[in-house]
């Protein structure tokens, strides 16, 4: 077989290069763009990055999302902003003594921050773009404009003080639920004979935990910025809660709250709940249904952050540090959990000391009383 010599890469047809590059994933495409001037020039084509974004986030195929991404600077910028995950190592600098003074030492103005800054934010400015995969297969794509809360735009309304929460998906048995998301054996779930057997071996739980991936991108239309608040892979979860047939899987990230909350960092908690609706003993086959997909922000003491502060935190998150190194992302989340656990333990020890002091004071007062009486 003869080989035709090629003097240089530019001598090849640019359409051939384009056809090669359009088959690459985002990371490989970005690396290829650094190899030569020809690849660098071709890799700037928006259609290549639109194809990459479509493969990673199927929700970007929607026409309204395409228009949104174009208004923000294009698919190439969108990928660069949203593929790396948020990393926050400020937890290591967390000073517990400062946090234990909260909220008594904080005035209302210090807690709620600058009013003018908040007035420039609106819940309607935010867009949630969410994609779920199971074993690398897309199973659900959702887009929500705003926070999904009626009358939330008034900064002095009830949204201002209530705990911030986005319910992207909620399934109720008595409702007309459109677009129900289910997984079955054909999707890769292991067949389970009964829930009693599942409680013993946990095969279904393990398959869900290992196979699920979540991307939750938050976009601020006014700032033209975006960030992925999810951790791709689960960070934890609970089996058989609140009922035997329910599984709770938790994703999330650690977000900066500098000069917004005393703890300086908060946890973005993304909850995915599944319910087992059929097992093999039902004669239908194993099937689970997605019943909840939600977001909340929680401070170091486990208290949910209100709507006002949550908008400020989300604004800061859009410009914070990110990394493609997944182990670095996990390290950030695990460090937060460690510090939070240490804080809870210290709080329990302090409460225990206070209880003992109260008991001893009560005994001393009792003995003093009877000493004086007798």
Protein backbone atom coordinates (compact mmCIF):
# COMPACT_ATOMS: atom_id res chain seq x y z
CA UNK A 1 0.00 0.00 0.00
CA UNK A 2 1.46 3.33 -1.06
CA UNK A 3 1.35 6.38 1.17
CA UNK A 4 0.98 9.82 -0.31
CA UNK A 5 3.52 12.16 1.32
CA UNK A 6 2.18 15.28 2.96
CA UNK A 7 4.50 18.26 3.15
CA UNK A 8 2.58 20.04 5.89
CA UNK A 9 -0.66 19.92 7.85
CA UNK A 10 -2.13 22.99 6.11
CA UNK A 11 -1.93 21.13 2.80
CA UNK A 12 -4.71 18.82 3.95
CA UNK A 13 -8.29 19.83 3.39
CA UNK A 14 -9.70 21.97 6.23
CA UNK A 15 -13.01 20.11 5.92
CA UNK A 16 -11.17 16.91 6.83
CA UNK A 17 -9.74 18.57 9.94
CA UNK A 18 -13.16 19.90 10.85
CA UNK A 19 -14.64 16.40 10.50
CA UNK A 20 -11.91 15.05 12.79
CA UNK A 21 -12.28 17.77 15.42
CA UNK A 22 -16.06 17.54 15.60
CA UNK A 23 -15.70 13.96 16.89
CA UNK A 24 -13.66 15.03 19.91
CA UNK A 25 -14.88 15.79 23.41
CA UNK A 26 -14.34 19.22 24.93
CA UNK A 27 -11.06 18.52 26.75
CA UNK A 28 -9.50 16.80 23.74
CA UNK A 29 -10.69 19.56 21.43
CA UNK A 30 -9.12 22.21 23.67
CA UNK A 31 -5.83 20.24 23.69
CA UNK A 32 -5.89 19.81 19.93
CA UNK A 33 -6.32 23.59 19.52
CA UNK A 34 -2.89 24.05 21.13
CA UNK A 35 -1.03 21.76 18.74
CA UNK A 36 -0.87 23.97 15.63
CA UNK A 37 -2.21 27.16 14.08
CA UNK A 38 -4.55 25.25 11.76
CA UNK A 39 -6.24 23.34 14.58
CA UNK A 40 -6.34 26.52 16.66
CA UNK A 41 -8.17 28.37 13.91
CA UNK A 42 -10.66 25.59 13.17
CA UNK A 43 -11.35 24.94 16.87
CA UNK A 44 -12.75 28.47 17.21
CA UNK A 45 -15.77 27.43 15.14
CA UNK A 46 -18.85 27.80 17.34
CA UNK A 47 -20.52 24.80 15.71
CA UNK A 48 -17.80 22.54 17.15
CA UNK A 49 -18.41 23.77 20.68
CA UNK A 50 -22.16 23.67 20.21
CA UNK A 51 -21.77 20.00 19.35
CA UNK A 52 -19.60 19.45 22.44
CA UNK A 53 -22.09 21.21 24.73
CA UNK A 54 -24.96 19.25 23.20
CA UNK A 55 -23.24 15.95 23.97
CA UNK A 56 -22.42 16.95 27.57
CA UNK A 57 -25.63 18.86 28.33
CA UNK A 58 -28.59 17.76 26.15
CA UNK A 59 -30.65 20.65 27.55
CA UNK A 60 -28.52 23.05 25.48
CA UNK A 61 -30.32 21.73 22.38
CA UNK A 62 -33.33 23.88 23.27
CA UNK A 63 -33.70 26.96 21.10
CA UNK A 64 -34.21 29.31 24.08
CA UNK A 65 -31.03 27.99 25.72
CA UNK A 66 -29.10 28.34 22.46
CA UNK A 67 -30.16 31.99 22.29
CA UNK A 68 -29.18 32.48 25.94
CA UNK A 69 -25.72 30.95 25.42
CA UNK A 70 -25.16 33.04 22.29
CA UNK A 71 -26.00 36.21 24.24
CA UNK A 72 -23.39 35.25 26.87
CA UNK A 73 -20.50 34.90 24.43
CA UNK A 74 -21.10 31.58 22.71
CA UNK A 75 -20.77 27.85 23.34
CA UNK A 76 -16.99 27.91 23.66
CA UNK A 77 -17.17 30.31 26.60
CA UNK A 78 -20.11 28.42 28.07
CA UNK A 79 -18.13 25.17 28.05
CA UNK A 80 -15.09 26.86 29.60
CA UNK A 81 -17.27 28.28 32.39
CA UNK A 82 -19.40 25.23 33.16
CA UNK A 83 -17.30 22.12 32.55
CA UNK A 84 -14.80 22.81 35.39
CA UNK A 85 -16.38 22.40 38.83
CA UNK A 86 -16.28 24.85 41.72
CA UNK A 87 -13.42 24.42 44.19
CA UNK A 88 -13.38 26.32 47.45
CA UNK A 89 -10.48 25.86 49.86
CA UNK A 90 -11.39 28.80 52.07
CA UNK A 91 -12.81 26.23 54.47
CA UNK A 92 -9.26 25.62 55.66
CA UNK A 93 -9.07 29.25 56.76
CA UNK A 94 -12.34 28.99 58.66
CA UNK A 95 -12.08 30.37 62.19
CA UNK A 96 -14.54 28.68 64.52
CA UNK A 97 -14.30 31.31 67.21
CA UNK A 98 -15.58 33.94 64.83
CA UNK A 99 -18.50 31.80 63.77
CA UNK A 100 -19.63 30.95 67.29
CA UNK A 101 -20.31 34.62 67.86
CA UNK A 102 -22.96 34.52 65.12
CA UNK A 103 -25.59 35.90 65.05
CA UNK A 104 -25.46 38.00 68.25
CA UNK A 105 -22.45 40.05 67.21
CA UNK A 106 -23.84 40.77 63.76
CA UNK A 107 -26.16 43.71 63.26
CA UNK A 108 -29.04 43.41 60.81
CA UNK A 109 -27.17 45.56 58.29
CA UNK A 110 -24.06 43.37 58.55
CA UNK A 111 -26.08 40.16 58.18
CA UNK A 112 -28.13 41.26 55.19
CA UNK A 113 -25.34 43.15 53.48
CA UNK A 114 -25.57 46.17 51.24
CA UNK A 115 -29.15 46.93 50.21
CA UNK A 116 -28.10 48.57 46.95
CA UNK A 117 -26.16 45.49 45.95
CA UNK A 118 -29.16 43.28 46.57
CA UNK A 119 -31.54 45.55 44.71
CA UNK A 120 -29.41 44.98 41.60
CA UNK A 121 -30.19 41.24 41.85
CA UNK A 122 -33.45 39.63 40.87
CA UNK A 123 -34.53 35.97 41.07
CA UNK A 124 -35.77 36.28 37.48
CA UNK A 125 -32.16 36.90 36.37
CA UNK A 126 -31.23 33.29 37.14
CA UNK A 127 -31.72 30.25 34.93
CA UNK A 128 -31.19 26.63 36.00
CA UNK A 129 -29.99 24.20 33.32
CA UNK A 130 -30.02 20.66 34.67
CA UNK A 131 -29.03 17.33 33.12
CA UNK A 132 -29.04 13.88 34.70
CA UNK A 133 -27.24 10.82 33.37
CA UNK A 134 -27.32 7.21 34.44
CA UNK A 135 -24.38 5.12 33.28
CA UNK A 136 -23.49 7.88 30.80
CA UNK A 137 -26.97 7.81 29.25
CA UNK A 138 -29.07 11.03 29.51
CA UNK A 139 -32.29 10.35 31.42
CA UNK A 140 -33.55 13.84 32.25
CA UNK A 141 -33.04 17.44 31.12
CA UNK A 142 -34.75 20.37 32.81
CA UNK A 143 -34.61 24.15 32.39
CA UNK A 144 -36.14 26.62 34.83
CA UNK A 145 -36.24 30.36 34.29
CA UNK A 146 -36.08 32.16 37.61
CA UNK A 147 -36.26 30.35 40.94
CA UNK A 148 -39.70 28.90 40.36
CA UNK A 149 -41.24 30.86 43.24
CA UNK A 150 -44.27 33.11 42.54
CA UNK A 151 -43.85 36.81 43.45
CA UNK A 152 -40.19 36.30 44.37
CA UNK A 153 -38.83 39.42 42.67
CA UNK A 154 -39.70 41.92 45.41
CA UNK A 155 -36.64 42.29 47.64
CA UNK A 156 -38.87 43.22 50.59
CA UNK A 157 -41.29 40.32 50.03
CA UNK A 158 -41.54 36.95 51.75
CA UNK A 159 -38.83 35.47 49.52
CA UNK A 160 -36.44 37.93 51.18
CA UNK A 161 -36.48 36.11 54.55
CA UNK A 162 -37.70 32.59 53.77
CA UNK A 163 -35.26 29.71 53.28
CA UNK A 164 -34.09 29.56 49.67
CA UNK A 165 -35.13 26.45 47.77
CA UNK A 166 -35.52 25.51 44.12
CA UNK A 167 -37.80 22.52 43.46
CA UNK A 168 -37.01 21.59 39.90
CA UNK A 169 -38.95 18.34 40.01
CA UNK A 170 -41.50 17.08 42.51
CA UNK A 171 -43.55 13.94 41.93
CA UNK A 172 -46.82 13.34 43.76
CA UNK A 173 -48.99 10.28 43.34
CA UNK A 174 -52.20 12.33 43.27
CA UNK A 175 -50.99 14.81 40.62
CA UNK A 176 -50.94 14.67 36.84
CA UNK A 177 -47.18 14.29 36.48
CA UNK A 178 -45.88 14.92 33.00
CA UNK A 179 -42.44 13.78 31.95
CA UNK A 180 -42.01 11.19 34.70
CA UNK A 181 -38.41 9.94 34.92
CA UNK A 182 -38.05 6.20 35.56
CA UNK A 183 -35.22 3.68 35.47
CA UNK A 184 -35.60 -0.06 34.96
CA UNK A 185 -33.55 -3.19 34.36
CA UNK A 186 -33.23 -2.24 30.68
CA UNK A 187 -31.41 0.93 31.79
CA UNK A 188 -28.89 -1.08 33.80
CA UNK A 189 -30.58 -1.51 37.17
CA UNK A 190 -30.04 -4.87 38.88
CA UNK A 191 -33.19 -6.96 39.31
CA UNK A 192 -34.21 -7.11 42.96
CA UNK A 193 -36.58 -9.79 44.18
CA UNK A 194 -37.88 -7.81 47.17
CA UNK A 195 -37.16 -4.78 49.34
CA UNK A 196 -36.21 -7.10 52.19
CA UNK A 197 -33.45 -8.54 50.02
CA UNK A 198 -32.37 -5.03 48.95
CA UNK A 199 -32.00 -3.97 52.59
CA UNK A 200 -29.52 -6.79 53.07
CA UNK A 201 -27.31 -6.55 49.99
CA UNK A 202 -27.94 -2.96 48.80
CA UNK A 203 -27.28 -3.77 45.13
CA UNK A 204 -29.87 -1.34 43.79
CA UNK A 205 -28.59 1.46 46.00
CA UNK A 206 -25.00 0.84 44.91
CA UNK A 207 -25.93 0.86 41.20
CA UNK A 208 -27.79 4.14 41.60
CA UNK A 209 -24.96 5.72 43.59
CA UNK A 210 -22.25 4.61 41.16
CA UNK A 211 -24.19 5.26 37.96
CA UNK A 212 -25.82 8.66 38.48
CA UNK A 213 -24.32 11.95 37.32
CA UNK A 214 -25.79 15.40 37.84
CA UNK A 215 -25.00 18.74 36.23
CA UNK A 216 -26.81 21.81 37.63
CA UNK A 217 -25.73 24.95 35.80
CA UNK A 218 -26.86 28.33 37.10
CA UNK A 219 -26.82 31.25 34.68
CA UNK A 220 -27.21 34.92 35.52
CA UNK A 221 -28.63 36.57 32.40
CA UNK A 222 -27.84 40.10 33.54
CA UNK A 223 -24.19 39.35 34.42
CA UNK A 224 -23.83 36.95 31.47
CA UNK A 225 -22.03 34.43 33.66
CA UNK A 226 -22.58 30.74 34.38
CA UNK A 227 -21.25 28.06 36.73
CA UNK A 228 -21.89 24.40 37.44
CA UNK A 229 -22.94 23.97 41.09
CA UNK A 230 -23.06 20.16 41.00
CA UNK A 231 -20.31 17.68 41.82
CA UNK A 232 -21.06 15.39 38.83
CA UNK A 233 -20.81 12.34 41.09
CA UNK A 234 -22.76 11.82 44.35
CA UNK A 235 -21.20 13.03 47.59
CA UNK A 236 -23.41 10.95 49.86
CA UNK A 237 -26.94 9.78 50.50
CA UNK A 238 -29.38 7.79 52.61
CA UNK A 239 -30.87 4.37 51.98
CA UNK A 240 -34.50 3.62 52.79
CA UNK A 241 -35.39 7.13 53.93
CA UNK A 242 -38.00 8.40 54.72
CA UNK A 243 -39.62 5.07 53.76
CA UNK A 244 -38.19 1.67 52.87
CA UNK A 245 -38.77 2.32 49.17
CA UNK A 246 -36.98 5.70 49.04
CA UNK A 247 -33.36 6.55 48.27
CA UNK A 248 -31.86 10.01 48.78
CA UNK A 249 -28.73 10.89 46.81
CA UNK A 250 -26.84 14.11 47.52
CA UNK A 251 -24.69 16.17 45.17
CA UNK A 252 -23.37 19.69 45.68
CA UNK A 253 -20.47 22.07 46.09
CA UNK A 254 -18.92 24.50 48.58
CA UNK A 255 -19.62 28.13 47.71
CA UNK A 256 -17.96 31.31 48.98
CA UNK A 257 -20.00 33.56 51.28
CA UNK A 258 -17.31 36.10 52.13
CA UNK A 259 -18.79 39.22 53.71
CA UNK A 260 -22.26 37.70 53.27
CA UNK A 261 -22.42 35.20 56.14
CA UNK A 262 -20.20 34.83 59.21
CA UNK A 263 -19.15 31.31 58.20
CA UNK A 264 -17.63 32.72 54.96
CA UNK A 265 -18.59 29.48 53.13
CA UNK A 266 -21.82 27.55 52.59
CA UNK A 267 -22.76 24.21 51.10
CA UNK A 268 -24.93 24.02 48.01
CA UNK A 269 -27.01 20.88 48.55
CA UNK A 270 -28.55 19.23 45.50
CA UNK A 271 -30.95 16.44 46.41
CA UNK A 272 -32.15 13.67 44.11
CA UNK A 273 -34.78 11.25 45.46
CA UNK A 274 -35.79 7.95 43.90
CA UNK A 275 -38.62 5.64 44.88
CA UNK A 276 -38.86 1.93 44.11
CA UNK A 277 -42.23 1.43 42.43
CA UNK A 278 -41.82 -2.19 41.30
CA UNK A 279 -39.69 -5.21 42.14
CA UNK A 280 -39.35 -8.61 40.48
CA UNK A 281 -41.91 -10.11 42.85
CA UNK A 282 -44.54 -7.76 41.39
CA UNK A 283 -44.20 -9.59 38.07
CA UNK A 284 -43.33 -6.36 36.22
CA UNK A 285 -39.61 -5.96 36.85
CA UNK A 286 -37.51 -3.62 38.93
CA UNK A 287 -38.36 0.04 38.37
CA UNK A 288 -37.50 3.24 40.25
CA UNK A 289 -38.97 6.71 39.77
CA UNK A 290 -37.32 10.11 40.27
CA UNK A 291 -39.56 11.90 42.79
CA UNK A 292 -37.55 15.00 43.73
CA UNK A 293 -34.79 17.22 42.41
CA UNK A 294 -34.05 20.28 44.52
CA UNK A 295 -31.43 22.82 45.59
CA UNK A 296 -30.84 24.53 48.94
CA UNK A 297 -27.96 26.42 50.54
CA UNK A 298 -26.91 25.49 54.07
CA UNK A 299 -24.50 27.29 56.40
CA UNK A 300 -21.90 25.68 58.65
CA UNK A 301 -24.38 25.13 61.49
CA UNK A 302 -26.87 23.39 59.22
CA UNK A 303 -29.29 26.32 58.91
CA UNK A 304 -30.81 27.01 55.51
CA UNK A 305 -29.82 30.34 53.96
CA UNK A 306 -32.60 32.82 53.18
CA UNK A 307 -33.53 34.01 49.70
CA UNK A 308 -31.71 37.29 49.86
CA UNK A 309 -28.35 35.94 50.97
CA UNK A 310 -28.69 32.98 48.59
CA UNK A 311 -28.90 35.31 45.58
CA UNK A 312 -25.78 37.14 46.77
CA UNK A 313 -23.93 33.83 47.26
CA UNK A 314 -24.94 32.57 43.82
CA UNK A 315 -23.66 35.82 42.35
CA UNK A 316 -20.25 35.26 44.01
CA UNK A 317 -20.19 31.62 42.90
CA UNK A 318 -20.34 32.63 39.23
CA UNK A 319 -16.85 34.12 39.45
CA UNK A 320 -15.11 31.83 41.98
CA UNK A 321 -12.26 29.37 41.35
CA UNK A 322 -12.92 26.17 39.38
CA UNK A 323 -11.00 23.05 38.47
CA UNK A 324 -11.16 20.13 36.05
CA UNK A 325 -9.42 17.98 38.66
CA UNK A 326 -12.31 16.01 40.18
CA UNK A 327 -10.24 14.81 43.16
CA UNK A 328 -9.61 18.46 44.06
CA UNK A 329 -13.36 19.10 43.99
CA UNK A 330 -14.02 16.11 46.25
CA UNK A 331 -11.29 17.23 48.63
CA UNK A 332 -12.97 20.63 48.95
CA UNK A 333 -16.35 19.03 49.79
CA UNK A 334 -14.87 16.52 52.23
CA UNK A 335 -12.92 19.28 53.98
CA UNK A 336 -16.15 21.21 54.49
CA UNK A 337 -17.85 18.11 55.95
CA UNK A 338 -14.91 17.54 58.28
CA UNK A 339 -14.93 21.10 59.60
CA UNK A 340 -18.71 21.00 59.97
CA UNK A 341 -18.51 17.74 61.96
CA UNK A 342 -15.82 19.19 64.22
CA UNK A 343 -17.99 22.25 64.84
CA UNK A 344 -20.99 20.08 65.78
CA UNK A 345 -18.86 17.99 68.13
CA UNK A 346 -17.45 21.11 69.79
CA UNK A 347 -20.95 22.53 70.14
CA UNK A 348 -22.16 19.30 71.76
CA UNK A 349 -19.21 19.35 74.17
CA UNK A 350 -19.96 22.96 75.11
CA UNK A 351 -23.63 22.12 75.67
CA UNK A 352 -22.62 19.13 77.77
CA UNK A 353 -20.36 21.34 79.91
CA UNK A 354 -23.17 23.85 80.28
CA UNK A 355 -25.59 21.11 81.33
CA UNK A 356 -23.17 19.84 83.98
CA UNK A 357 -22.63 23.38 85.22
CA UNK A 358 -26.39 23.91 85.52
CA UNK A 359 -26.79 20.63 87.41
CA UNK A 360 -23.96 21.48 89.80
CA UNK A 361 -25.38 24.98 90.31
CA UNK A 362 -28.79 23.49 91.04
CA UNK A 363 -27.31 21.06 93.57
CA UNK A 364 -25.31 23.83 95.21
CA UNK A 365 -28.37 26.07 95.41
CA UNK A 366 -30.43 23.21 96.88
CA UNK A 367 -27.83 22.42 99.52
CA UNK A 368 -27.40 26.11 100.36
CA UNK A 369 -31.16 26.49 100.78
CA UNK A 370 -31.46 23.56 103.21
CA UNK A 371 -28.31 24.64 105.04
CA UNK A 372 -29.88 28.05 105.70
CA UNK A 373 -33.22 26.48 106.70
CA UNK A 374 -31.65 24.05 109.12
